[in-house]
N, C-alpha and C. Protein backbone atom coordinates (compact mmCIF):
# COMPACT_ATOMS: atom_id res chain seq x y z
N UNK A 1 30.49 -40.14 -16.81
CA UNK A 1 30.69 -39.11 -16.21
C UNK A 1 32.17 -38.78 -15.59
N UNK A 2 32.46 -40.09 -15.06
CA UNK A 2 33.37 -40.14 -14.06
C UNK A 2 34.93 -40.36 -15.12
N UNK A 3 35.91 -39.92 -14.43
CA UNK A 3 37.50 -39.77 -15.01
C UNK A 3 38.18 -40.97 -13.93
N UNK A 4 39.48 -40.85 -14.92
CA UNK A 4 40.65 -42.46 -14.12
C UNK A 4 41.51 -41.01 -13.97
N UNK A 5 41.51 -40.98 -12.35
CA UNK A 5 42.50 -39.90 -11.63
C UNK A 5 43.24 -41.15 -10.88
N UNK A 6 44.77 -41.23 -11.42
CA UNK A 6 45.85 -42.05 -9.72
C UNK A 6 45.03 -42.98 -9.78
N UNK A 7 44.00 -43.88 -10.60
CA UNK A 7 44.22 -45.84 -10.42
C UNK A 7 42.66 -45.84 -9.85
N UNK A 8 42.01 -44.47 -9.29
CA UNK A 8 40.76 -44.62 -8.74
C UNK A 8 39.35 -43.80 -9.76
N UNK A 9 38.61 -44.46 -9.46
CA UNK A 9 37.27 -44.52 -10.01
C UNK A 9 36.34 -42.79 -8.78
N UNK A 10 36.66 -41.44 -10.16
CA UNK A 10 35.88 -40.39 -8.73
C UNK A 10 34.35 -39.82 -10.17
N UNK A 11 33.48 -39.75 -8.80
CA UNK A 11 32.07 -39.01 -9.88
C UNK A 11 32.69 -37.25 -10.08
N UNK A 12 31.95 -37.19 -10.49
CA UNK A 12 32.04 -35.89 -10.93
C UNK A 12 30.81 -34.89 -10.53
N UNK A 13 30.92 -33.61 -9.49
CA UNK A 13 29.12 -32.68 -9.29
C UNK A 13 28.67 -33.41 -8.06
N UNK A 14 29.42 -34.54 -7.51
CA UNK A 14 29.20 -34.73 -6.00
C UNK A 14 30.00 -34.98 -4.22
N UNK A 15 30.28 -33.90 -4.89
CA UNK A 15 31.32 -34.18 -3.70
C UNK A 15 30.39 -33.63 -2.76
N UNK A 16 30.06 -33.88 -1.39
CA UNK A 16 29.70 -33.64 -0.39
C UNK A 16 27.97 -33.92 -0.55
N UNK A 17 27.68 -34.94 -0.73
CA UNK A 17 26.26 -34.75 -1.47
C UNK A 17 25.67 -35.92 0.03
N UNK A 18 26.34 -36.85 0.33
CA UNK A 18 26.21 -37.10 1.51
C UNK A 18 25.45 -36.38 2.89
N UNK A 19 27.06 -36.07 2.50
CA UNK A 19 26.61 -34.64 4.25
C UNK A 19 25.21 -34.09 3.80
N UNK A 20 24.82 -33.04 2.62
CA UNK A 20 23.26 -32.43 2.34
C UNK A 20 22.69 -33.41 2.62
N UNK A 21 22.90 -34.79 2.14
CA UNK A 21 21.69 -36.09 2.41
C UNK A 21 21.85 -36.17 3.74
N UNK A 22 22.35 -36.67 4.60
CA UNK A 22 22.52 -36.74 6.34
C UNK A 22 21.68 -35.56 6.68
N UNK A 23 22.25 -34.07 6.16
CA UNK A 23 21.77 -32.73 7.06
C UNK A 23 20.11 -33.03 6.46
N UNK A 24 19.95 -32.92 5.85
CA UNK A 24 17.91 -33.53 5.72
C UNK A 24 17.27 -34.06 6.44
N UNK A 25 18.13 -35.34 6.60
CA UNK A 25 17.15 -36.52 7.45
C UNK A 25 17.42 -36.49 8.90
N UNK A 26 18.88 -35.56 9.66
CA UNK A 26 18.68 -35.56 10.33
C UNK A 26 18.31 -34.04 11.00
N UNK A 27 17.61 -32.90 10.12
CA UNK A 27 16.77 -31.82 10.09
C UNK A 27 14.64 -32.50 11.26
N UNK A 28 15.07 -33.68 9.83
CA UNK A 28 13.68 -34.07 9.87
C UNK A 28 13.75 -35.14 11.53
N UNK A 29 13.99 -35.60 11.64
CA UNK A 29 14.38 -36.49 13.13
C UNK A 29 13.82 -36.39 13.80
N UNK A 30 14.91 -34.66 14.39
CA UNK A 30 15.39 -32.84 15.34
C UNK A 30 13.65 -33.15 15.35
N UNK A 31 13.06 -32.86 14.69
CA UNK A 31 11.69 -32.45 14.40
C UNK A 31 10.39 -33.42 14.50
N UNK A 32 10.75 -34.80 14.62
CA UNK A 32 10.38 -35.26 14.71
C UNK A 32 9.94 -35.50 16.66
N UNK A 33 11.21 -35.88 16.22
CA UNK A 33 12.07 -34.97 18.29
C UNK A 33 11.04 -34.87 18.86
N UNK A 34 11.36 -33.79 18.80
CA UNK A 34 11.18 -32.11 19.86
C UNK A 34 9.32 -32.68 19.55
N UNK A 35 9.32 -32.90 18.88
CA UNK A 35 7.60 -32.76 18.65
C UNK A 35 6.90 -34.43 19.54
N UNK A 36 7.11 -35.18 19.68
CA UNK A 36 7.23 -35.93 20.36
C UNK A 36 7.62 -35.47 21.62
N UNK A 37 8.66 -35.13 21.93
CA UNK A 37 9.16 -34.85 23.76
C UNK A 37 8.38 -32.79 23.79
N UNK A 38 7.90 -32.77 22.80
CA UNK A 38 6.54 -31.18 23.37
C UNK A 38 5.55 -31.64 23.71
N UNK A 39 4.98 -32.37 23.05
CA UNK A 39 3.26 -33.59 22.84
C UNK A 39 4.07 -33.52 24.29
N UNK A 40 4.56 -35.05 25.02
CA UNK A 40 4.99 -35.86 26.38
C UNK A 40 4.84 -34.29 27.33
N UNK A 41 5.47 -33.82 27.19
CA UNK A 41 5.14 -32.26 28.55
C UNK A 41 3.58 -32.20 28.44
N UNK A 42 3.17 -32.07 27.36
CA UNK A 42 1.62 -31.07 27.58
C UNK A 42 0.69 -31.98 28.20
N UNK A 43 0.94 -33.88 27.77
CA UNK A 43 0.00 -34.62 28.28
C UNK A 43 0.55 -33.86 30.23
N UNK A 44 1.37 -34.73 30.09
CA UNK A 44 1.48 -34.87 31.23
C UNK A 44 1.95 -33.98 32.79
N UNK A 45 1.51 -32.76 31.67
CA UNK A 45 1.72 -31.09 32.79
C UNK A 45 0.02 -30.94 32.56
N UNK A 46 -0.53 -31.83 31.59
CA UNK A 46 -2.64 -31.36 31.67
C UNK A 46 -2.61 -32.16 32.38
N UNK A 47 -2.39 -33.33 33.03
CA UNK A 47 -2.77 -34.71 34.11
C UNK A 47 -2.38 -33.61 35.17
N UNK A 48 -0.90 -33.23 35.46
CA UNK A 48 -1.07 -33.06 36.76
C UNK A 48 -1.89 -32.34 37.34
N UNK A 49 -2.17 -30.79 36.07
CA UNK A 49 -2.76 -29.31 36.31
C UNK A 49 -4.59 -30.12 36.41
N UNK A 50 -4.61 -31.06 36.19
CA UNK A 50 -6.45 -32.19 36.27
C UNK A 50 -6.36 -32.87 37.58
N UNK A 51 -5.21 -32.71 38.56
CA UNK A 51 -5.24 -33.71 39.94
C UNK A 51 -5.15 -32.02 41.18
N UNK A 52 -4.76 -30.78 40.03
CA UNK A 52 -4.61 -29.72 41.21
C UNK A 52 -5.98 -29.13 41.04
N UNK A 53 -6.83 -29.21 39.42
CA UNK A 53 -7.58 -28.91 39.67
C UNK A 53 -8.79 -30.32 40.37
N UNK A 54 -8.65 -31.10 40.20
CA UNK A 54 -9.69 -31.74 41.83
C UNK A 54 -8.58 -32.08 42.41
N UNK A 55 -8.33 -31.35 43.21
CA UNK A 55 -7.53 -30.94 44.29
C UNK A 55 -8.12 -29.75 45.45
N UNK A 56 -8.97 -28.73 44.19
CA UNK A 56 -8.89 -27.36 44.59
C UNK A 56 -11.11 -27.44 44.89
N UNK A 57 -11.29 -28.77 43.61
CA UNK A 57 -12.89 -29.07 44.02
C UNK A 57 -12.53 -30.13 45.42
N UNK A 58 -12.37 -30.85 45.60
CA UNK A 58 -12.62 -31.68 47.06
C UNK A 58 -11.90 -30.74 47.75
N UNK A 59 -11.71 -29.45 47.73
CA UNK A 59 -11.47 -28.77 49.70
C UNK A 59 -12.57 -27.54 49.04
N UNK A 60 -13.22 -27.50 47.50
CA UNK A 60 -14.69 -26.66 47.43
C UNK A 60 -15.55 -27.31 48.08
N UNK A 61 -15.51 -28.57 48.05
CA UNK A 61 -16.70 -29.77 48.64
C UNK A 61 -17.00 -29.81 50.02
N UNK A 62 -15.54 -29.18 50.79
CA UNK A 62 -15.44 -29.60 52.68
C UNK A 62 -16.78 -27.85 53.16
N UNK A 63 -17.59 -28.57 53.41
CA UNK A 63 -18.23 -27.08 53.77
C UNK A 63 -17.76 -27.00 55.10
N UNK A 64 -16.52 -26.47 55.40
CA UNK A 64 -16.38 -25.51 56.01
C UNK A 64 -17.41 -24.38 56.60
N UNK A 65 -16.62 -23.08 55.64
CA UNK A 65 -17.55 -22.38 56.94
C UNK A 65 -18.93 -22.01 55.65
N UNK A 66 -18.64 -20.46 55.15
CA UNK A 66 -19.45 -19.68 53.80
C UNK A 66 -18.86 -20.53 52.42
N UNK A 67 -19.22 -19.94 51.00
CA UNK A 67 -19.29 -20.65 49.70
C UNK A 67 -18.07 -19.71 49.43
N UNK A 68 -17.58 -18.35 50.37
CA UNK A 68 -16.82 -16.83 49.93
C UNK A 68 -15.58 -17.98 50.31
N UNK A 69 -15.21 -18.34 51.74
CA UNK A 69 -14.46 -19.22 52.19
C UNK A 69 -14.15 -20.24 51.66
N UNK A 70 -15.03 -20.86 51.32
CA UNK A 70 -15.00 -22.42 50.60
C UNK A 70 -14.16 -21.81 48.82
N UNK A 71 -14.44 -21.38 49.23
CA UNK A 71 -13.52 -20.99 47.50
C UNK A 71 -12.78 -20.40 47.41
N UNK A 72 -12.42 -19.34 48.36
CA UNK A 72 -10.97 -18.58 48.41
C UNK A 72 -9.84 -19.54 49.40
N UNK A 73 -10.21 -20.78 50.05
CA UNK A 73 -9.18 -22.28 50.41
C UNK A 73 -9.59 -22.92 49.19
N UNK A 74 -9.88 -22.95 47.85
CA UNK A 74 -9.96 -24.20 47.05
C UNK A 74 -9.28 -23.32 45.72
N UNK A 75 -9.03 -21.93 45.59
CA UNK A 75 -8.11 -21.46 44.93
C UNK A 75 -6.40 -21.50 45.76
N UNK A 76 -6.34 -21.38 47.02
CA UNK A 76 -4.51 -21.09 47.73
C UNK A 76 -5.17 -22.56 47.42
N UNK A 77 -5.13 -24.08 47.23
CA UNK A 77 -4.89 -25.14 47.47
C UNK A 77 -4.20 -25.37 46.00
N UNK A 78 -5.42 -24.61 45.57
CA UNK A 78 -5.37 -24.51 43.24
C UNK A 78 -3.41 -24.22 43.67
N UNK A 79 -2.96 -23.12 43.57
CA UNK A 79 -2.60 -22.07 44.05
C UNK A 79 -0.58 -22.98 43.74
N UNK A 80 -1.01 -23.49 45.25
CA UNK A 80 -0.11 -24.23 45.99
C UNK A 80 0.25 -25.55 44.86
N UNK A 81 -0.66 -25.54 44.56
CA UNK A 81 0.17 -27.00 43.26
C UNK A 81 0.39 -26.09 41.94
N UNK A 82 0.17 -25.31 41.30
CA UNK A 82 0.27 -24.70 39.90
C UNK A 82 1.86 -23.96 40.44
N UNK A 83 2.09 -23.43 41.45
CA UNK A 83 3.17 -23.16 41.54
C UNK A 83 4.74 -23.74 40.97
N UNK A 84 4.13 -25.46 41.38
CA UNK A 84 5.98 -25.96 41.08
C UNK A 84 5.82 -26.22 39.20
N UNK A 85 4.71 -25.32 38.52
CA UNK A 85 4.29 -25.65 36.68
C UNK A 85 4.72 -24.83 36.32
N UNK A 86 4.19 -23.20 36.70
CA UNK A 86 3.68 -22.22 36.78
C UNK A 86 5.23 -21.34 35.85
N UNK A 87 4.98 -20.46 34.82
CA UNK A 87 6.23 -20.62 33.34
C UNK A 87 5.56 -21.34 32.02
N UNK A 88 5.81 -22.59 32.48
CA UNK A 88 5.38 -23.59 31.73
C UNK A 88 3.68 -23.99 31.18
N UNK A 89 3.40 -23.42 32.57
CA UNK A 89 1.78 -23.78 32.39
C UNK A 89 1.06 -22.06 31.89
N UNK A 90 0.51 -21.74 31.55
CA UNK A 90 0.28 -20.41 32.28
C UNK A 90 -0.95 -19.76 31.56
N UNK A 91 -1.13 -18.56 32.14
CA UNK A 91 -2.64 -17.84 32.79
C UNK A 91 -3.81 -19.01 32.87
N UNK A 92 -4.07 -18.99 34.29
CA UNK A 92 -5.22 -20.11 34.36
C UNK A 92 -5.48 -18.82 35.30
N UNK A 93 -7.29 -19.62 35.04
CA UNK A 93 -8.78 -18.95 35.22
C UNK A 93 -8.98 -20.07 35.95
N UNK A 94 -8.31 -19.76 36.98
CA UNK A 94 -10.18 -20.23 38.03
C UNK A 94 -11.09 -19.98 38.50
N UNK A 95 -12.81 -20.83 38.02
CA UNK A 95 -13.96 -20.67 37.87
C UNK A 95 -14.61 -21.80 38.50
N UNK A 96 -15.63 -21.07 40.17
CA UNK A 96 -16.55 -21.60 40.54
C UNK A 96 -18.10 -22.23 39.85
N UNK A 97 -18.59 -22.98 39.48
CA UNK A 97 -19.27 -23.13 38.36
C UNK A 97 -19.73 -24.38 39.48
N UNK A 98 -20.99 -24.77 39.08
CA UNK A 98 -22.65 -25.35 38.41
C UNK A 98 -22.74 -25.62 38.07
N UNK A 99 -22.61 -26.65 37.12
CA UNK A 99 -23.30 -27.56 35.73
C UNK A 99 -24.56 -27.05 35.81
N UNK A 100 -25.74 -27.12 36.85
CA UNK A 100 -26.97 -28.02 36.92
C UNK A 100 -27.44 -25.96 36.73
N UNK A 101 -28.17 -24.91 37.18
CA UNK A 101 -27.91 -24.19 38.46
C UNK A 101 -28.46 -24.42 39.25
N UNK A 102 -29.42 -25.03 39.11
CA UNK A 102 -29.92 -24.99 40.21
C UNK A 102 -29.99 -26.05 40.99
N UNK A 103 -28.98 -27.12 40.33
CA UNK A 103 -28.21 -28.22 41.68
C UNK A 103 -26.91 -27.47 42.02
N UNK A 104 -26.95 -27.32 43.60
CA UNK A 104 -25.58 -27.01 44.16
C UNK A 104 -24.75 -28.45 44.09
N UNK A 105 -24.93 -29.71 43.81
CA UNK A 105 -24.17 -30.31 44.13
C UNK A 105 -23.88 -30.83 42.65
N UNK A 106 -23.91 -30.35 41.84
CA UNK A 106 -23.11 -30.59 40.64
C UNK A 106 -22.38 -29.19 40.52
N UNK A 107 -21.36 -28.19 41.62
CA UNK A 107 -21.27 -27.20 41.90
C UNK A 107 -19.57 -28.23 41.27
N UNK A 108 -18.78 -27.41 41.32
CA UNK A 108 -16.93 -27.74 40.80
C UNK A 108 -16.49 -26.44 40.29
N UNK A 109 -14.95 -26.56 40.01
CA UNK A 109 -14.29 -26.02 39.73
C UNK A 109 -13.56 -26.99 37.66
N UNK A 110 -13.25 -24.91 36.88
CA UNK A 110 -13.05 -24.85 36.15
C UNK A 110 -12.04 -23.73 35.36
N UNK A 111 -10.87 -24.97 35.16
CA UNK A 111 -9.60 -23.60 35.21
C UNK A 111 -9.18 -24.23 33.77
N UNK A 112 -8.89 -22.73 33.57
CA UNK A 112 -8.10 -22.59 31.89
C UNK A 112 -6.84 -22.23 31.72
N UNK A 113 -6.79 -22.55 31.18
CA UNK A 113 -4.54 -21.97 30.69
C UNK A 113 -4.27 -22.57 29.48
N UNK A 114 -3.13 -21.78 29.59
CA UNK A 114 -2.22 -22.22 27.63
C UNK A 114 -0.99 -22.76 28.48
N UNK A 115 -0.57 -23.17 27.46
CA UNK A 115 0.35 -23.80 27.14
C UNK A 115 1.42 -23.79 25.71
N UNK A 116 2.30 -23.77 25.74
CA UNK A 116 3.34 -24.05 24.42
C UNK A 116 3.15 -25.20 23.78
N UNK A 117 2.65 -25.77 22.66
CA UNK A 117 3.25 -26.75 22.39
C UNK A 117 4.56 -26.76 21.47
N UNK A 118 5.50 -26.58 21.22
CA UNK A 118 6.87 -25.86 20.62
C UNK A 118 7.52 -24.82 21.41
N UNK A 119 8.20 -24.65 21.36
CA UNK A 119 9.75 -22.93 21.77
C UNK A 119 9.95 -22.59 20.62
N UNK A 120 9.37 -21.17 20.00
CA UNK A 120 9.86 -20.87 19.21
C UNK A 120 10.70 -19.34 20.20
N UNK A 121 11.89 -18.83 19.31
CA UNK A 121 12.73 -18.32 19.66
C UNK A 121 12.11 -16.46 19.94
N UNK A 122 11.72 -16.03 20.28
CA UNK A 122 11.05 -14.75 19.42
C UNK A 122 11.77 -13.62 18.53
N UNK A 123 12.28 -13.99 18.06
CA UNK A 123 13.43 -13.94 17.03
C UNK A 123 12.01 -14.40 15.64
N UNK A 124 11.39 -15.41 15.66
CA UNK A 124 10.09 -15.94 15.06
C UNK A 124 8.90 -15.14 14.73
N UNK A 125 8.80 -15.10 15.57
CA UNK A 125 7.40 -13.74 16.10
C UNK A 125 7.46 -12.64 16.08
N UNK A 126 6.45 -11.92 15.61
CA UNK A 126 6.43 -10.28 15.60
C UNK A 126 6.35 -9.32 16.71
N UNK A 127 6.64 -8.56 16.96
CA UNK A 127 6.39 -8.02 18.83
C UNK A 127 5.50 -7.76 18.98
N UNK A 128 5.38 -8.35 20.63
CA UNK A 128 4.21 -8.81 21.21
C UNK A 128 2.89 -9.56 20.97
N UNK A 129 3.38 -10.10 20.21
CA UNK A 129 2.03 -11.67 19.46
C UNK A 129 2.29 -12.45 20.03
N UNK A 130 1.55 -13.42 20.17
CA UNK A 130 1.62 -14.70 20.63
C UNK A 130 2.03 -15.65 20.40
N UNK A 131 2.63 -17.21 20.44
CA UNK A 131 3.49 -17.95 20.19
C UNK A 131 1.98 -17.97 19.15
N UNK A 132 2.58 -18.36 17.69
CA UNK A 132 1.53 -19.79 17.28
C UNK A 132 1.05 -20.96 17.49
N UNK A 133 2.54 -21.18 18.97
CA UNK A 133 1.98 -23.11 18.68
C UNK A 133 1.27 -22.07 20.49
N UNK A 134 0.93 -22.18 20.68
CA UNK A 134 -0.07 -21.50 21.82
C UNK A 134 -1.09 -22.48 22.27
N UNK A 135 -0.93 -23.35 22.63
CA UNK A 135 -2.65 -23.68 23.07
C UNK A 135 -3.74 -23.80 24.42
N UNK A 136 -4.85 -22.99 24.94
CA UNK A 136 -5.84 -23.53 25.14
C UNK A 136 -6.88 -24.66 25.56
N UNK A 137 -5.84 -25.05 26.98
CA UNK A 137 -6.54 -25.76 27.44
C UNK A 137 -7.96 -25.80 28.24
N UNK A 138 -8.72 -27.16 28.99
CA UNK A 138 -9.75 -26.85 30.33
C UNK A 138 -9.19 -28.22 30.61
N UNK A 139 -9.20 -27.60 32.24
CA UNK A 139 -9.32 -28.67 33.61
C UNK A 139 -11.23 -28.44 33.57
N UNK A 140 -12.00 -30.00 34.79
CA UNK A 140 -12.80 -29.10 35.44
C UNK A 140 -12.96 -30.04 35.96
N UNK A 141 -13.84 -30.37 37.15
CA UNK A 141 -13.87 -30.62 37.62
C UNK A 141 -15.03 -30.73 38.37
N UNK A 142 -16.62 -31.54 38.74
CA UNK A 142 -17.91 -31.71 39.45
C UNK A 142 -17.52 -32.16 40.48
N UNK A 143 -17.34 -31.83 41.37
CA UNK A 143 -18.03 -33.13 43.71
C UNK A 143 -18.81 -32.35 43.81
N UNK A 144 -20.04 -31.39 43.74
CA UNK A 144 -20.57 -31.01 44.66
C UNK A 144 -20.21 -29.88 45.48
N UNK A 145 -21.50 -29.51 45.79
CA UNK A 145 -20.54 -28.52 47.33
C UNK A 145 -21.96 -28.91 48.43
N UNK A 146 -20.48 -29.34 49.09
CA UNK A 146 -21.25 -30.01 50.95
C UNK A 146 -22.30 -28.22 51.35
N UNK A 147 -23.32 -28.09 51.92
CA UNK A 147 -23.32 -27.80 53.01
C UNK A 147 -22.53 -27.30 54.35
N UNK A 148 -21.93 -25.92 54.28
CA UNK A 148 -20.99 -24.80 55.43
C UNK A 148 -22.63 -24.90 57.23
N UNK A 149 -21.89 -24.87 57.52
CA UNK A 149 -21.92 -24.85 59.31
C UNK A 149 -23.47 -23.40 59.15
N UNK A 150 -22.84 -22.73 58.62
CA UNK A 150 -24.10 -21.67 58.45
C UNK A 150 -24.72 -22.55 58.25
N UNK A 151 -25.11 -22.57 56.87
CA UNK A 151 -25.68 -23.03 55.94
C UNK A 151 -27.07 -23.75 56.11
N UNK A 152 -26.78 -25.19 57.34
CA UNK A 152 -27.35 -25.89 57.75
C UNK A 152 -27.69 -25.55 59.28
N UNK A 153 -27.53 -24.75 59.83
CA UNK A 153 -28.37 -23.94 61.82
C UNK A 153 -28.24 -22.95 61.01
N UNK A 154 -28.85 -22.10 59.96
CA UNK A 154 -29.24 -20.98 60.70
C UNK A 154 -30.79 -20.80 61.19
N UNK A 155 -29.98 -19.62 62.17
CA UNK A 155 -31.85 -19.10 62.71
C UNK A 155 -32.36 -19.09 62.81
N UNK A 156 -32.62 -18.58 60.95
CA UNK A 156 -33.72 -18.43 60.44
C UNK A 156 -34.54 -18.75 60.12
N UNK A 157 -34.83 -20.42 60.57
CA UNK A 157 -35.79 -21.85 59.55
C UNK A 157 -35.23 -21.68 58.57
N UNK A 158 -34.57 -21.38 57.24
CA UNK A 158 -34.25 -20.77 55.88
C UNK A 158 -33.26 -22.24 56.22
N UNK A 159 -32.68 -23.23 56.57
CA UNK A 159 -31.59 -23.48 56.43
C UNK A 159 -31.30 -24.66 55.52
N UNK A 160 -30.63 -24.82 55.07
CA UNK A 160 -30.14 -25.93 53.63
C UNK A 160 -31.51 -27.05 53.60
N UNK A 161 -31.40 -28.12 55.07
CA UNK A 161 -32.39 -28.98 54.69
C UNK A 161 -33.86 -28.84 54.80
N UNK A 162 -34.89 -27.64 54.82
CA UNK A 162 -36.03 -27.47 54.50
C UNK A 162 -35.06 -26.77 52.87
N UNK A 163 -34.92 -25.90 52.95
CA UNK A 163 -34.93 -26.06 51.73
C UNK A 163 -34.66 -26.67 50.50
N UNK A 164 -34.16 -28.22 51.07
CA UNK A 164 -33.94 -29.20 50.63
C UNK A 164 -35.41 -29.99 50.42
N UNK A 165 -36.28 -30.22 50.94
CA UNK A 165 -36.84 -30.77 51.22
C UNK A 165 -38.33 -29.92 50.25
N UNK A 166 -38.31 -28.79 50.34
CA UNK A 166 -39.08 -27.53 49.73
C UNK A 166 -38.61 -28.31 47.86
N UNK A 167 -37.54 -28.14 47.73
CA UNK A 167 -37.27 -27.81 45.98
C UNK A 167 -37.74 -30.03 45.97
N UNK A 168 -37.36 -30.69 46.90
CA UNK A 168 -38.03 -32.11 46.68
C UNK A 168 -39.56 -33.02 46.52
N UNK A 169 -40.04 -31.47 46.58
CA UNK A 169 -41.32 -32.13 46.95
C UNK A 169 -42.07 -32.47 48.23
N UNK A 170 -41.32 -32.43 49.39
CA UNK A 170 -42.17 -33.22 50.85
C UNK A 170 -41.92 -32.26 51.96
N UNK A 171 -43.43 -32.77 51.30
CA UNK A 171 -44.03 -32.29 52.90
C UNK A 171 -43.80 -32.18 54.52
N UNK A 172 -42.96 -31.45 55.24
CA UNK A 172 -42.52 -31.39 56.58
C UNK A 172 -43.82 -31.51 57.48
N UNK A 173 -44.09 -32.64 57.55
CA UNK A 173 -45.37 -32.81 58.66
C UNK A 173 -45.31 -32.36 60.03
N UNK A 174 -43.80 -33.07 60.05
CA UNK A 174 -43.29 -33.57 61.80
C UNK A 174 -42.34 -32.52 61.93
N UNK A 175 -41.36 -32.67 62.37
CA UNK A 175 -39.79 -32.60 62.74
C UNK A 175 -38.42 -33.35 61.72
N UNK A 176 -38.83 -33.76 60.41
CA UNK A 176 -38.47 -34.07 59.45
C UNK A 176 -36.66 -33.13 58.83
N UNK A 177 -36.73 -31.80 59.53
CA UNK A 177 -35.93 -30.84 58.53
C UNK A 177 -35.30 -30.60 60.01
N UNK A 178 -35.55 -30.55 61.15
CA UNK A 178 -34.83 -30.35 62.27
C UNK A 178 -34.08 -32.04 62.49
N UNK A 179 -35.38 -32.93 62.07
CA UNK A 179 -33.98 -33.84 62.52
C UNK A 179 -32.68 -34.56 61.24
N UNK A 180 -32.50 -34.13 60.38
CA UNK A 180 -31.53 -34.17 59.15
C UNK A 180 -30.88 -32.96 60.15
N UNK A 181 -31.36 -31.21 60.10
CA UNK A 181 -30.25 -30.91 60.38
C UNK A 181 -29.31 -30.76 62.20
N UNK A 182 -29.16 -32.13 62.42
CA UNK A 182 -29.34 -33.00 63.84
C UNK A 182 -27.16 -32.99 63.18
N UNK A 183 -25.96 -32.34 63.03
CA UNK A 183 -24.92 -32.20 63.15
C UNK A 183 -24.23 -31.48 63.95
N UNK A 184 -25.21 -31.13 65.33
CA UNK A 184 -24.66 -29.81 66.18
C UNK A 184 -24.90 -28.83 66.35
N UNK A 185 -25.58 -27.98 65.38
CA UNK A 185 -26.33 -27.13 65.68
C UNK A 185 -27.20 -26.23 67.03
């Protein structure tokens, strides 16, 4: 199927074949390149949210005031970290929960959030639909919760250490709870 024209061999019907092959290879290469870049963003940003969750749990652990105040301070710390990645990481839901409902030392912070693995322009999505590449992730840190000053120095005699001794079956024959409470009450 070759023709001889002016001393050169030419193939018939193969004009532009190299361009088509090049475009096919470029599309596949760019797909993998964008996939790896998107995956890298997801990994790096999820580590950042993990750190923000840890810092919130650390703040929650501190025994400043009562539990509502500790939760509020922890939420403020998380929000301060989160504002740097807002728009890329979406819909954060911060929850304060105990792994064991009967043990305050398992208290911690759980954050659920969404990220897009790929960015699809709006023309590829139905109106109001979530992108098909949106994934939900969870970050969780449990450091416990220290008793607040008010809980330790409860004047009603129902202090943290009295409850601690009762939960662990220790009989307070003397003033053991008062000695444990000795933190400036």
